[in-house]
Amino acid sequence: MRLVSHPVLCNYYVTYRCNASCSFCDIWERPSPYVTLENARQNLRDLKKLGVRVVDFTGGEPLLHRQLPELLQEAKQLGLITTVTTNALLYPKQAEQLRGVVDMLHFSLDSPVEEEHNKSRGVRCFDKVMESIAIARQLGERPDILFTVFEHNVHQIRQMYEEICLPNDLVLILNPVFEYNTVDTGDRLSEDALLQMSWWGKQKNVYLNDAFIQLRRDGGNHIEDPICRAASTTIVISPENKLVLPCYHLGLKDFAIDNNLYELYQSAEVQKLVALEGRLPACEGCAINCYMQPSFAVDINKYFWRALPSTIKYNWMKGTWKQLL
């Protein structure tokens, strides 16, 4: 049974540019402009009309966009929930401007060991994450630590939790690694790793969408009976001000928005692609977290029930549940 028939999330790529070169990501390799404030204003109004509740200002590295604070303020004025994930290289300089306009601020950290994190990111940024945590806490902000979990670092969850998150009263988000496009991490998660993550997900101040674990055990999305609702739950906007369908990672087609996102999304051509969500050959086995998260929330099925307790837990910890009502 479908609970929600309209999009609830926007992945707004403010730029594909990045000041890191992560080994498990290829977005930073793409040439890219920056979104304009003028286009964003209209798009955000249209997103609100379409029923979107959450806007994830993403990239690339979103803090490279010099007008990011203004973009966030525009979204907040419309009553939208805002999220930003950053490698924290630029956060210390921008912390004051970002204060109070990011509902869910995530600092990416791939290891509690400085050398390992820096190697994963292709740039020295561990010290900037630590500095950013201290600055954010001084400003009354409570960022999350986003820990991408591989087979080779699952054993570091305890160290991350005890040495970095607990002393700073931060939520630890466990983000199971996924593969897409040309990026092959070569690091598929074993049943033991899934069990460890599931156990940690039940601990205080730790968030893991347990439906991610079930989906991996089930072999990901299956095109004959798709769980993916990427195109109907999530609107993807590129730095070129284009609507990307059915999702960023597959990106079969894009449409110039031209200050007409509301009408464009509801057009027959777009809805034809939306109807193919989860059913294309490339969708077989997909387990991309950012699309599965909203997919689990709109259909009542086993993934909905697996995701519900952890979703409630996170929104309670972050105090965003009131905004979702």
C-alpha atoms as a PDB file:
ATOM      1  CA  MET A   1       0.000   0.000   0.000  1.00  0.00           C
ATOM      2  CA  ARG A   2       1.420   3.367  -1.046  1.00  0.00           C
ATOM      3  CA  LEU A   3       1.368   5.941   1.759  1.00  0.00           C
ATOM      4  CA  VAL A   4       2.757   8.933  -0.141  1.00  0.00           C
ATOM      5  CA  SER A   5       2.401   9.557  -3.867  1.00  0.00           C
ATOM      6  CA  HIS A   6       4.426  12.766  -4.183  1.00  0.00           C
ATOM      7  CA  PRO A   7       8.197  13.419  -3.941  1.00  0.00           C
ATOM      8  CA  VAL A   8       9.433  13.996  -0.399  1.00  0.00           C
ATOM      9  CA  LEU A   9      13.156  14.640  -0.936  1.00  0.00           C
ATOM     10  CA  CYS A  10      15.291  16.730  -3.262  1.00  0.00           C
ATOM     11  CA  ASN A  11      18.928  15.924  -3.880  1.00  0.00           C
ATOM     12  CA  TYR A  12      20.086  19.370  -4.974  1.00  0.00           C
ATOM     13  CA  TYR A  13      23.579  19.126  -6.467  1.00  0.00           C
ATOM     14  CA  VAL A  14      24.916  22.645  -5.979  1.00  0.00           C
ATOM     15  CA  THR A  15      28.136  21.617  -7.760  1.00  0.00           C
ATOM     16  CA  TYR A  16      29.927  18.420  -8.740  1.00  0.00           C
ATOM     17  CA  ARG A  17      33.288  19.987  -7.867  1.00  0.00           C
ATOM     18  CA  CYS A  18      35.114  18.726  -4.813  1.00  0.00           C
ATOM     19  CA  ASN A  19      38.287  19.526  -2.912  1.00  0.00           C
ATOM     20  CA  ALA A  20      38.833  15.840  -2.101  1.00  0.00           C
ATOM     21  CA  SER A  21      39.223  12.787  -4.324  1.00  0.00           C
ATOM     22  CA  CYS A  22      37.588   9.926  -2.458  1.00  0.00           C
ATOM     23  CA  SER A  23      38.473   6.454  -3.675  1.00  0.00           C
ATOM     24  CA  PHE A  24      34.830   5.278  -3.546  1.00  0.00           C
ATOM     25  CA  CYS A  25      33.298   8.231  -5.439  1.00  0.00           C
ATOM     26  CA  ASP A  26      33.631   9.572  -8.990  1.00  0.00           C
ATOM     27  CA  ILE A  27      31.475  12.702  -8.740  1.00  0.00           C
ATOM     28  CA  TRP A  28      34.549  14.890  -8.167  1.00  0.00           C
ATOM     29  CA  GLU A  29      35.879  13.892 -11.604  1.00  0.00           C
ATOM     30  CA  ARG A  30      33.049  15.671 -13.436  1.00  0.00           C
ATOM     31  CA  PRO A  31      33.369  19.259 -14.711  1.00  0.00           C
ATOM     32  CA  SER A  32      30.714  21.425 -13.159  1.00  0.00           C
ATOM     33  CA  PRO A  33      29.254  24.910 -12.780  1.00  0.00           C
ATOM     34  CA  TYR A  34      27.542  26.136  -9.609  1.00  0.00           C
ATOM     35  CA  VAL A  35      23.788  26.525  -9.222  1.00  0.00           C
ATOM     36  CA  THR A  36      22.592  30.117  -9.265  1.00  0.00           C
ATOM     37  CA  LEU A  37      20.647  31.689  -6.432  1.00  0.00           C
ATOM     38  CA  GLU A  38      18.013  32.930  -8.882  1.00  0.00           C
ATOM     39  CA  ASN A  39      17.305  29.436 -10.234  1.00  0.00           C
ATOM     40  CA  ALA A  40      17.360  27.943  -6.751  1.00  0.00           C
ATOM     41  CA  ARG A  41      14.756  30.392  -5.428  1.00  0.00           C
ATOM     42  CA  GLN A  42      12.232  29.354  -8.060  1.00  0.00           C
ATOM     43  CA  ASN A  43      13.093  25.662  -7.800  1.00  0.00           C
ATOM     44  CA  LEU A  44      12.691  25.656  -4.034  1.00  0.00           C
ATOM     45  CA  ARG A  45       9.249  27.240  -4.329  1.00  0.00           C
ATOM     46  CA  ASP A  46       8.268  24.579  -6.862  1.00  0.00           C
ATOM     47  CA  LEU A  47       9.682  21.801  -4.674  1.00  0.00           C
ATOM     48  CA  LYS A  48       7.473  23.039  -1.850  1.00  0.00           C
ATOM     49  CA  LYS A  49       4.434  22.971  -4.174  1.00  0.00           C
ATOM     50  CA  LEU A  50       5.268  19.416  -5.225  1.00  0.00           C
ATOM     51  CA  GLY A  51       5.228  18.262  -1.594  1.00  0.00           C
ATOM     52  CA  VAL A  52       8.960  17.950  -0.952  1.00  0.00           C
ATOM     53  CA  ARG A  53       9.822  18.180   2.761  1.00  0.00           C
ATOM     54  CA  VAL A  54      13.615  17.715   2.805  1.00  0.00           C
ATOM     55  CA  VAL A  55      16.286  19.321   0.620  1.00  0.00           C
ATOM     56  CA  ASP A  56      19.748  17.793   0.671  1.00  0.00           C
ATOM     57  CA  PHE A  57      22.221  20.365  -0.626  1.00  0.00           C
ATOM     58  CA  THR A  58      24.884  18.060  -1.932  1.00  0.00           C
ATOM     59  CA  GLY A  59      27.786  17.719  -4.354  1.00  0.00           C
ATOM     60  CA  GLY A  60      30.699  17.331  -4.855  1.00  0.00           C
ATOM     61  CA  GLU A  61      31.567  19.379  -1.836  1.00  0.00           C
ATOM     62  CA  PRO A  62      28.612  21.713  -1.155  1.00  0.00           C
ATOM     63  CA  LEU A  63      30.670  24.160   0.904  1.00  0.00           C
ATOM     64  CA  LEU A  64      32.559  25.091  -2.269  1.00  0.00           C
ATOM     65  CA  HIS A  65      29.421  27.013  -3.285  1.00  0.00           C
ATOM     66  CA  ARG A  66      29.978  30.509  -1.940  1.00  0.00           C
ATOM     67  CA  GLN A  67      26.242  31.198  -1.680  1.00  0.00           C
ATOM     68  CA  LEU A  68      25.389  28.003   0.192  1.00  0.00           C
ATOM     69  CA  PRO A  69      24.261  29.918   3.313  1.00  0.00           C
ATOM     70  CA  GLU A  70      21.832  31.922   1.167  1.00  0.00           C
ATOM     71  CA  LEU A  71      20.535  28.747  -0.494  1.00  0.00           C
ATOM     72  CA  LEU A  72      19.928  27.211   2.909  1.00  0.00           C
ATOM     73  CA  GLN A  73      18.177  30.329   4.182  1.00  0.00           C
ATOM     74  CA  GLU A  74      15.856  30.303   1.179  1.00  0.00           C
ATOM     75  CA  ALA A  75      14.903  26.696   1.927  1.00  0.00           C
ATOM     76  CA  LYS A  76      14.412  27.362   5.633  1.00  0.00           C
ATOM     77  CA  GLN A  77      12.143  30.347   4.917  1.00  0.00           C
ATOM     78  CA  LEU A  78       9.890  27.976   2.967  1.00  0.00           C
ATOM     79  CA  GLY A  79       9.728  25.601   5.930  1.00  0.00           C
ATOM     80  CA  LEU A  80      11.870  22.926   4.271  1.00  0.00           C
ATOM     81  CA  ILE A  81      14.181  20.665   6.262  1.00  0.00           C
ATOM     82  CA  THR A  82      17.801  21.120   5.157  1.00  0.00           C
ATOM     83  CA  THR A  83      20.700  18.690   5.126  1.00  0.00           C
ATOM     84  CA  VAL A  84      24.364  19.125   4.226  1.00  0.00           C
ATOM     85  CA  THR A  85      27.160  16.555   4.184  1.00  0.00           C
ATOM     86  CA  THR A  86      30.707  17.912   4.093  1.00  0.00           C
ATOM     87  CA  ASN A  87      34.298  16.708   4.312  1.00  0.00           C
ATOM     88  CA  ALA A  88      34.748  19.668   6.710  1.00  0.00           C
ATOM     89  CA  LEU A  89      37.750  21.192   4.948  1.00  0.00           C
ATOM     90  CA  LEU A  90      35.922  24.517   4.613  1.00  0.00           C
ATOM     91  CA  TYR A  91      33.616  24.317   7.603  1.00  0.00           C
ATOM     92  CA  PRO A  92      35.838  26.189  10.115  1.00  0.00           C
ATOM     93  CA  LYS A  93      35.773  29.285   7.884  1.00  0.00           C
ATOM     94  CA  GLN A  94      32.048  29.067   7.158  1.00  0.00           C
ATOM     95  CA  ALA A  95      30.679  27.811  10.474  1.00  0.00           C
ATOM     96  CA  GLU A  96      29.237  31.153  11.578  1.00  0.00           C
ATOM     97  CA  GLN A  97      27.379  31.630   8.277  1.00  0.00           C
ATOM     98  CA  LEU A  98      25.960  28.106   8.418  1.00  0.00           C
ATOM     99  CA  ARG A  99      24.848  28.352  12.017  1.00  0.00           C
ATOM    100  CA  GLY A 100      21.153  27.663  12.436  1.00  0.00           C
ATOM    101  CA  VAL A 101      20.331  27.002   8.771  1.00  0.00           C
ATOM    102  CA  VAL A 102      21.282  23.316   8.526  1.00  0.00           C
ATOM    103  CA  ASP A 103      18.873  20.949  10.266  1.00  0.00           C
ATOM    104  CA  MET A 104      21.000  17.873   9.633  1.00  0.00           C
ATOM    105  CA  LEU A 105      24.701  18.631   9.312  1.00  0.00           C
ATOM    106  CA  HIS A 106      26.914  15.630   8.590  1.00  0.00           C
ATOM    107  CA  PHE A 107      30.707  15.486   8.820  1.00  0.00           C
ATOM    108  CA  SER A 108      32.117  12.613   6.771  1.00  0.00           C
ATOM    109  CA  LEU A 109      34.675  10.486   8.586  1.00  0.00           C
ATOM    110  CA  ASP A 110      35.833   7.146   7.200  1.00  0.00           C
ATOM    111  CA  SER A 111      38.134   6.108  10.029  1.00  0.00           C
ATOM    112  CA  PRO A 112      39.022   7.202  13.566  1.00  0.00           C
ATOM    113  CA  VAL A 113      42.664   6.802  12.489  1.00  0.00           C
ATOM    114  CA  GLU A 114      43.994   9.975  10.879  1.00  0.00           C
ATOM    115  CA  GLU A 115      46.229   8.332   8.262  1.00  0.00           C
ATOM    116  CA  GLU A 116      43.493   5.952   7.117  1.00  0.00           C
ATOM    117  CA  HIS A 117      40.843   8.656   6.758  1.00  0.00           C
ATOM    118  CA  ASN A 118      43.202  10.937   4.823  1.00  0.00           C
ATOM    119  CA  LYS A 119      44.142   8.094   2.486  1.00  0.00           C
ATOM    120  CA  SER A 120      40.469   7.316   1.829  1.00  0.00           C
ATOM    121  CA  ARG A 121      39.741  10.958   1.012  1.00  0.00           C
ATOM    122  CA  GLY A 122      42.861  11.588  -1.073  1.00  0.00           C
ATOM    123  CA  VAL A 123      43.587  14.732   0.948  1.00  0.00           C
ATOM    124  CA  ARG A 124      44.552  15.616   4.515  1.00  0.00           C
ATOM    125  CA  CYS A 125      41.249  16.442   6.181  1.00  0.00           C
ATOM    126  CA  PHE A 126      41.043  14.425   9.418  1.00  0.00           C
ATOM    127  CA  ASP A 127      42.309  17.376  11.456  1.00  0.00           C
ATOM    128  CA  LYS A 128      39.685  19.628   9.844  1.00  0.00           C
ATOM    129  CA  VAL A 129      36.912  17.248  10.910  1.00  0.00           C
ATOM    130  CA  MET A 130      38.181  17.362  14.493  1.00  0.00           C
ATOM    131  CA  GLU A 131      38.476  21.148  14.376  1.00  0.00           C
ATOM    132  CA  SER A 132      35.000  21.411  12.852  1.00  0.00           C
ATOM    133  CA  ILE A 133      33.468  19.279  15.599  1.00  0.00           C
ATOM    134  CA  ALA A 134      34.907  21.603  18.243  1.00  0.00           C
ATOM    135  CA  ILE A 135      33.743  24.753  16.438  1.00  0.00           C
ATOM    136  CA  ALA A 136      30.260  23.378  15.770  1.00  0.00           C
ATOM    137  CA  ARG A 137      29.780  22.409  19.410  1.00  0.00           C
ATOM    138  CA  GLN A 138      30.961  25.855  20.554  1.00  0.00           C
ATOM    139  CA  LEU A 139      28.302  27.377  18.290  1.00  0.00           C
ATOM    140  CA  GLY A 140      25.593  25.156  19.739  1.00  0.00           C
ATOM    141  CA  GLU A 141      25.393  22.955  16.644  1.00  0.00           C
ATOM    142  CA  ARG A 142      25.197  19.174  16.852  1.00  0.00           C
ATOM    143  CA  PRO A 143      26.602  17.636  13.668  1.00  0.00           C
ATOM    144  CA  ASP A 144      26.460  13.926  12.932  1.00  0.00           C
ATOM    145  CA  ILE A 145      29.450  11.776  12.066  1.00  0.00           C
ATOM    146  CA  LEU A 146      28.753   9.985   8.790  1.00  0.00           C
ATOM    147  CA  PHE A 147      30.828   6.805   8.775  1.00  0.00           C
ATOM    148  CA  THR A 148      30.867   4.925   5.449  1.00  0.00           C
ATOM    149  CA  VAL A 149      31.277   1.300   6.490  1.00  0.00           C
ATOM    150  CA  PHE A 150      33.403  -1.098   4.450  1.00  0.00           C
ATOM    151  CA  GLU A 151      34.481  -4.624   5.245  1.00  0.00           C
ATOM    152  CA  HIS A 152      37.930  -3.284   6.109  1.00  0.00           C
ATOM    153  CA  ASN A 153      36.761  -0.684   8.659  1.00  0.00           C
ATOM    154  CA  VAL A 154      33.702  -2.253  10.290  1.00  0.00           C
ATOM    155  CA  HIS A 155      35.887  -3.192  13.258  1.00  0.00           C
ATOM    156  CA  GLN A 156      36.526   0.535  13.855  1.00  0.00           C
ATOM    157  CA  ILE A 157      32.925   1.377  14.729  1.00  0.00           C
ATOM    158  CA  ARG A 158      33.621   1.014  18.452  1.00  0.00           C
ATOM    159  CA  GLN A 159      36.651   3.300  18.319  1.00  0.00           C
ATOM    160  CA  MET A 160      34.725   5.883  16.293  1.00  0.00           C
ATOM    161  CA  TYR A 161      31.837   5.712  18.747  1.00  0.00           C
ATOM    162  CA  GLU A 162      33.853   5.794  21.975  1.00  0.00           C
ATOM    163  CA  GLU A 163      36.653   8.208  21.028  1.00  0.00           C
ATOM    164  CA  ILE A 164      34.893  10.711  18.772  1.00  0.00           C
ATOM    165  CA  CYS A 165      31.103  10.547  19.079  1.00  0.00           C
ATOM    166  CA  LEU A 166      30.460   9.905  22.778  1.00  0.00           C
ATOM    167  CA  PRO A 167      32.850  12.596  24.117  1.00  0.00           C
ATOM    168  CA  ASN A 168      31.204  15.166  21.834  1.00  0.00           C
ATOM    169  CA  ASP A 169      27.606  13.883  22.226  1.00  0.00           C
ATOM    170  CA  LEU A 170      27.309  13.307  18.467  1.00  0.00           C
ATOM    171  CA  VAL A 171      25.136  10.855  16.568  1.00  0.00           C
ATOM    172  CA  LEU A 172      27.108   8.235  14.653  1.00  0.00           C
ATOM    173  CA  ILE A 173      25.487   7.441  11.298  1.00  0.00           C
ATOM    174  CA  LEU A 174      26.498   4.084   9.849  1.00  0.00           C
ATOM    175  CA  ASN A 175      26.403   4.303   6.057  1.00  0.00           C
ATOM    176  CA  PRO A 176      26.885   0.867   4.420  1.00  0.00           C
ATOM    177  CA  VAL A 177      29.030   1.219   1.303  1.00  0.00           C
ATOM    178  CA  PHE A 178      27.358   0.800  -2.078  1.00  0.00           C
ATOM    179  CA  GLU A 179      28.651   0.569  -5.628  1.00  0.00           C
ATOM    180  CA  TYR A 180      27.479   2.522  -8.649  1.00  0.00           C
ATOM    181  CA  ASN A 181      28.432   3.509 -12.186  1.00  0.00           C
ATOM    182  CA  THR A 182      32.157   2.942 -12.759  1.00  0.00           C
ATOM    183  CA  VAL A 183      33.019   2.919  -9.069  1.00  0.00           C
ATOM    184  CA  ASP A 184      33.704  -0.573  -7.756  1.00  0.00           C
ATOM    185  CA  THR A 185      34.838  -0.540  -4.154  1.00  0.00           C
ATOM    186  CA  GLY A 186      35.693  -4.231  -4.363  1.00  0.00           C
ATOM    187  CA  ASP A 187      34.562  -4.400  -0.762  1.00  0.00           C
ATOM    188  CA  ARG A 188      31.201  -6.148  -0.488  1.00  0.00           C
ATOM    189  CA  LEU A 189      29.894  -6.500   3.023  1.00  0.00           C
ATOM    190  CA  SER A 190      29.915  -9.962   4.584  1.00  0.00           C
ATOM    191  CA  GLU A 191      27.169 -11.340   6.796  1.00  0.00           C
ATOM    192  CA  ASP A 192      29.437 -10.806   9.801  1.00  0.00           C
ATOM    193  CA  ALA A 193      29.842  -7.114   8.896  1.00  0.00           C
ATOM    194  CA  LEU A 194      26.070  -6.766   8.468  1.00  0.00           C
ATOM    195  CA  LEU A 195      25.506  -8.356  11.876  1.00  0.00           C
ATOM    196  CA  GLN A 196      28.003  -6.001  13.506  1.00  0.00           C
ATOM    197  CA  MET A 197      26.352  -2.952  11.962  1.00  0.00           C
ATOM    198  CA  SER A 198      22.890  -4.141  12.953  1.00  0.00           C
ATOM    199  CA  TRP A 199      24.027  -4.557  16.579  1.00  0.00           C
ATOM    200  CA  TRP A 200      25.622  -1.124  16.665  1.00  0.00           C
ATOM    201  CA  GLY A 201      22.514   0.410  15.134  1.00  0.00           C
ATOM    202  CA  LYS A 202      20.623  -0.430  18.322  1.00  0.00           C
ATOM    203  CA  GLN A 203      23.052   1.440  20.578  1.00  0.00           C
ATOM    204  CA  LYS A 204      22.538   4.905  22.024  1.00  0.00           C
ATOM    205  CA  ASN A 205      23.352   7.791  19.671  1.00  0.00           C
ATOM    206  CA  VAL A 206      23.926   5.435  16.723  1.00  0.00           C
ATOM    207  CA  TYR A 207      21.767   5.503  13.619  1.00  0.00           C
ATOM    208  CA  LEU A 208      21.560   2.760  11.025  1.00  0.00           C
ATOM    209  CA  ASN A 209      18.559   2.218   8.804  1.00  0.00           C
ATOM    210  CA  ASP A 210      18.129  -1.490   9.459  1.00  0.00           C
ATOM    211  CA  ALA A 211      16.268  -1.898   6.169  1.00  0.00           C
ATOM    212  CA  PHE A 212      19.632  -1.264   4.442  1.00  0.00           C
ATOM    213  CA  ILE A 213      20.851  -4.483   6.050  1.00  0.00           C
ATOM    214  CA  GLN A 214      17.788  -6.447   4.961  1.00  0.00           C
ATOM    215  CA  LEU A 215      18.059  -5.099   1.415  1.00  0.00           C
ATOM    216  CA  ARG A 216      21.650  -6.303   1.117  1.00  0.00           C
ATOM    217  CA  ARG A 217      20.689  -9.742   2.401  1.00  0.00           C
ATOM    218  CA  ASP A 218      17.963  -9.823  -0.251  1.00  0.00           C
ATOM    219  CA  GLY A 219      20.402  -8.947  -3.044  1.00  0.00           C
ATOM    220  CA  GLY A 220      19.276  -5.353  -3.512  1.00  0.00           C
ATOM    221  CA  ASN A 221      16.475  -4.113  -5.732  1.00  0.00           C
ATOM    222  CA  HIS A 222      14.903  -6.616  -8.130  1.00  0.00           C
ATOM    223  CA  ILE A 223      13.396  -5.308 -11.346  1.00  0.00           C
ATOM    224  CA  GLU A 224      10.553  -7.832 -11.423  1.00  0.00           C
ATOM    225  CA  ASP A 225       9.298  -6.575  -8.040  1.00  0.00           C
ATOM    226  CA  PRO A 226      11.127  -3.299  -7.348  1.00  0.00           C
ATOM    227  CA  ILE A 227      11.496  -1.746  -3.929  1.00  0.00           C
ATOM    228  CA  CYS A 228      13.136   1.356  -5.431  1.00  0.00           C
ATOM    229  CA  ARG A 229      10.944   4.455  -5.633  1.00  0.00           C
ATOM    230  CA  ALA A 230      13.793   6.806  -6.542  1.00  0.00           C
ATOM    231  CA  ALA A 231      12.066   8.856  -9.212  1.00  0.00           C
ATOM    232  CA  SER A 232       8.718   9.277  -7.452  1.00  0.00           C
ATOM    233  CA  THR A 233      10.115  10.070  -3.993  1.00  0.00           C
ATOM    234  CA  THR A 234      13.264  12.010  -4.916  1.00  0.00           C
ATOM    235  CA  ILE A 235      13.800  14.953  -7.254  1.00  0.00           C
ATOM    236  CA  VAL A 236      17.362  15.306  -8.503  1.00  0.00           C
ATOM    237  CA  ILE A 237      18.537  18.723  -9.701  1.00  0.00           C
ATOM    238  CA  SER A 238      21.938  19.130 -11.348  1.00  0.00           C
ATOM    239  CA  PRO A 239      24.300  22.130 -11.169  1.00  0.00           C
ATOM    240  CA  GLU A 240      23.271  22.866 -14.780  1.00  0.00           C
ATOM    241  CA  ASN A 241      19.712  23.439 -13.497  1.00  0.00           C
ATOM    242  CA  LYS A 242      18.392  20.244 -15.026  1.00  0.00           C
ATOM    243  CA  LEU A 243      16.021  17.615 -13.697  1.00  0.00           C
ATOM    244  CA  VAL A 244      17.854  14.262 -13.780  1.00  0.00           C
ATOM    245  CA  LEU A 245      15.909  11.009 -14.171  1.00  0.00           C
ATOM    246  CA  PRO A 246      15.328   8.407 -12.923  1.00  0.00           C
ATOM    247  CA  CYS A 247      18.132   9.157 -10.417  1.00  0.00           C
ATOM    248  CA  TYR A 248      21.558  10.789 -10.389  1.00  0.00           C
ATOM    249  CA  HIS A 249      23.482   7.531 -10.439  1.00  0.00           C
ATOM    250  CA  LEU A 250      21.672   6.118 -13.453  1.00  0.00           C
ATOM    251  CA  GLY A 251      20.994   9.472 -15.092  1.00  0.00           C
ATOM    252  CA  LEU A 252      19.311   8.257 -18.276  1.00  0.00           C
ATOM    253  CA  LYS A 253      17.936  11.657 -19.232  1.00  0.00           C
ATOM    254  CA  ASP A 254      17.902  15.236 -18.027  1.00  0.00           C
ATOM    255  CA  PHE A 255      15.483  18.065 -18.698  1.00  0.00           C
ATOM    256  CA  ALA A 256      16.223  21.785 -18.654  1.00  0.00           C
ATOM    257  CA  ILE A 257      14.113  23.261 -15.876  1.00  0.00           C
ATOM    258  CA  ASP A 258      13.839  26.844 -17.217  1.00  0.00           C
ATOM    259  CA  ASN A 259      12.022  28.109 -14.100  1.00  0.00           C
ATOM    260  CA  ASN A 260       9.314  25.542 -14.658  1.00  0.00           C
ATOM    261  CA  LEU A 261      10.088  22.652 -12.315  1.00  0.00           C
ATOM    262  CA  TYR A 262       6.516  22.239 -11.047  1.00  0.00           C
ATOM    263  CA  GLU A 263       5.005  21.773 -14.504  1.00  0.00           C
ATOM    264  CA  LEU A 264       8.030  19.887 -15.831  1.00  0.00           C
ATOM    265  CA  TYR A 265       7.919  17.211 -13.142  1.00  0.00           C
ATOM    266  CA  GLN A 266       4.242  16.568 -13.774  1.00  0.00           C
ATOM    267  CA  SER A 267       4.645  16.420 -17.571  1.00  0.00           C
ATOM    268  CA  ALA A 268       3.848  13.207 -19.444  1.00  0.00           C
ATOM    269  CA  GLU A 269       7.444  12.777 -20.641  1.00  0.00           C
ATOM    270  CA  VAL A 270       8.863  12.991 -17.114  1.00  0.00           C
ATOM    271  CA  GLN A 271       6.187  10.793 -15.583  1.00  0.00           C
ATOM    272  CA  LYS A 272       6.882   8.153 -18.214  1.00  0.00           C
ATOM    273  CA  LEU A 273      10.442   7.887 -16.886  1.00  0.00           C
ATOM    274  CA  VAL A 274       9.238   8.040 -13.296  1.00  0.00           C
ATOM    275  CA  ALA A 275       7.129   4.954 -13.980  1.00  0.00           C
ATOM    276  CA  LEU A 276      10.289   3.020 -14.904  1.00  0.00           C
ATOM    277  CA  GLU A 277      11.857   3.486 -11.454  1.00  0.00           C
ATOM    278  CA  GLY A 278      13.461   0.297 -10.220  1.00  0.00           C
ATOM    279  CA  ARG A 279      12.524  -1.588 -13.394  1.00  0.00           C
ATOM    280  CA  LEU A 280      15.415  -0.764 -15.727  1.00  0.00           C
ATOM    281  CA  PRO A 281      18.151  -3.379 -16.301  1.00  0.00           C
ATOM    282  CA  ALA A 282      20.705  -1.253 -14.424  1.00  0.00           C
ATOM    283  CA  CYS A 283      18.371  -1.198 -11.398  1.00  0.00           C
ATOM    284  CA  GLU A 284      18.855  -4.909 -10.731  1.00  0.00           C
ATOM    285  CA  GLY A 285      20.741  -5.397  -7.460  1.00  0.00           C
ATOM    286  CA  CYS A 286      20.866  -1.673  -6.665  1.00  0.00           C
ATOM    287  CA  ALA A 287      21.204  -0.765  -2.988  1.00  0.00           C
ATOM    288  CA  ILE A 288      22.035   2.951  -3.154  1.00  0.00           C
ATOM    289  CA  ASN A 289      21.232   4.313   0.287  1.00  0.00           C
ATOM    290  CA  CYS A 290      20.118   7.839  -0.628  1.00  0.00           C
ATOM    291  CA  TYR A 291      17.313   6.500  -2.834  1.00  0.00           C
ATOM    292  CA  MET A 292      16.353   3.514  -0.741  1.00  0.00           C
ATOM    293  CA  GLN A 293      15.884   5.626   2.398  1.00  0.00           C
ATOM    294  CA  PRO A 294      12.851   7.511   1.005  1.00  0.00           C
ATOM    295  CA  SER A 295      11.685   4.405  -0.874  1.00  0.00           C
ATOM    296  CA  PHE A 296      11.311   2.521   2.406  1.00  0.00           C
ATOM    297  CA  ALA A 297       9.091   5.295   3.789  1.00  0.00           C
ATOM    298  CA  VAL A 298       6.332   5.363   1.181  1.00  0.00           C
ATOM    299  CA  ASP A 299       5.245   1.728   0.723  1.00  0.00           C
ATOM    300  CA  ILE A 300       3.999  -0.469   3.555  1.00  0.00           C
ATOM    301  CA  ASN A 301       6.102  -3.624   3.188  1.00  0.00           C
ATOM    302  CA  LYS A 302       8.775  -5.461   5.153  1.00  0.00           C
ATOM    303  CA  TYR A 303      11.329  -2.721   4.455  1.00  0.00           C
ATOM    304  CA  PHE A 304       8.958  -0.073   5.785  1.00  0.00           C
ATOM    305  CA  TRP A 305       8.666  -1.947   9.093  1.00  0.00           C
ATOM    306  CA  ARG A 306      12.428  -2.605   9.272  1.00  0.00           C
ATOM    307  CA  ALA A 307      13.184   1.073   8.656  1.00  0.00           C
ATOM    308  CA  LEU A 308      10.528   2.569  10.930  1.00  0.00           C
ATOM    309  CA  PRO A 309      12.158   2.099  14.385  1.00  0.00           C
ATOM    310  CA  SER A 310      15.514   3.526  13.282  1.00  0.00           C
ATOM    311  CA  THR A 311      13.840   6.423  11.458  1.00  0.00           C
ATOM    312  CA  ILE A 312      11.848   7.336  14.568  1.00  0.00           C
ATOM    313  CA  LYS A 313      14.984   7.001  16.675  1.00  0.00           C
ATOM    314  CA  TYR A 314      17.020   9.353  14.476  1.00  0.00           C
ATOM    315  CA  ASN A 315      14.360  12.040  14.236  1.00  0.00           C
ATOM    316  CA  TRP A 316      13.874  11.875  18.004  1.00  0.00           C
ATOM    317  CA  MET A 317      17.628  12.242  18.591  1.00  0.00           C
ATOM    318  CA  LYS A 318      17.827  15.199  16.205  1.00  0.00           C
ATOM    319  CA  GLY A 319      14.537  16.817  17.202  1.00  0.00           C
ATOM    320  CA  THR A 320      13.333  16.942  13.587  1.00  0.00           C
ATOM    321  CA  TRP A 321      10.245  14.807  14.182  1.00  0.00           C
ATOM    322  CA  LYS A 322       8.168  17.912  14.886  1.00  0.00           C
ATOM    323  CA  GLN A 323       9.051  19.334  11.474  1.00  0.00           C
ATOM    324  CA  LEU A 324       7.935  16.115   9.770  1.00  0.00           C
ATOM    325  CA  LEU A 325       4.445  16.160  11.305  1.00  0.00           C
END
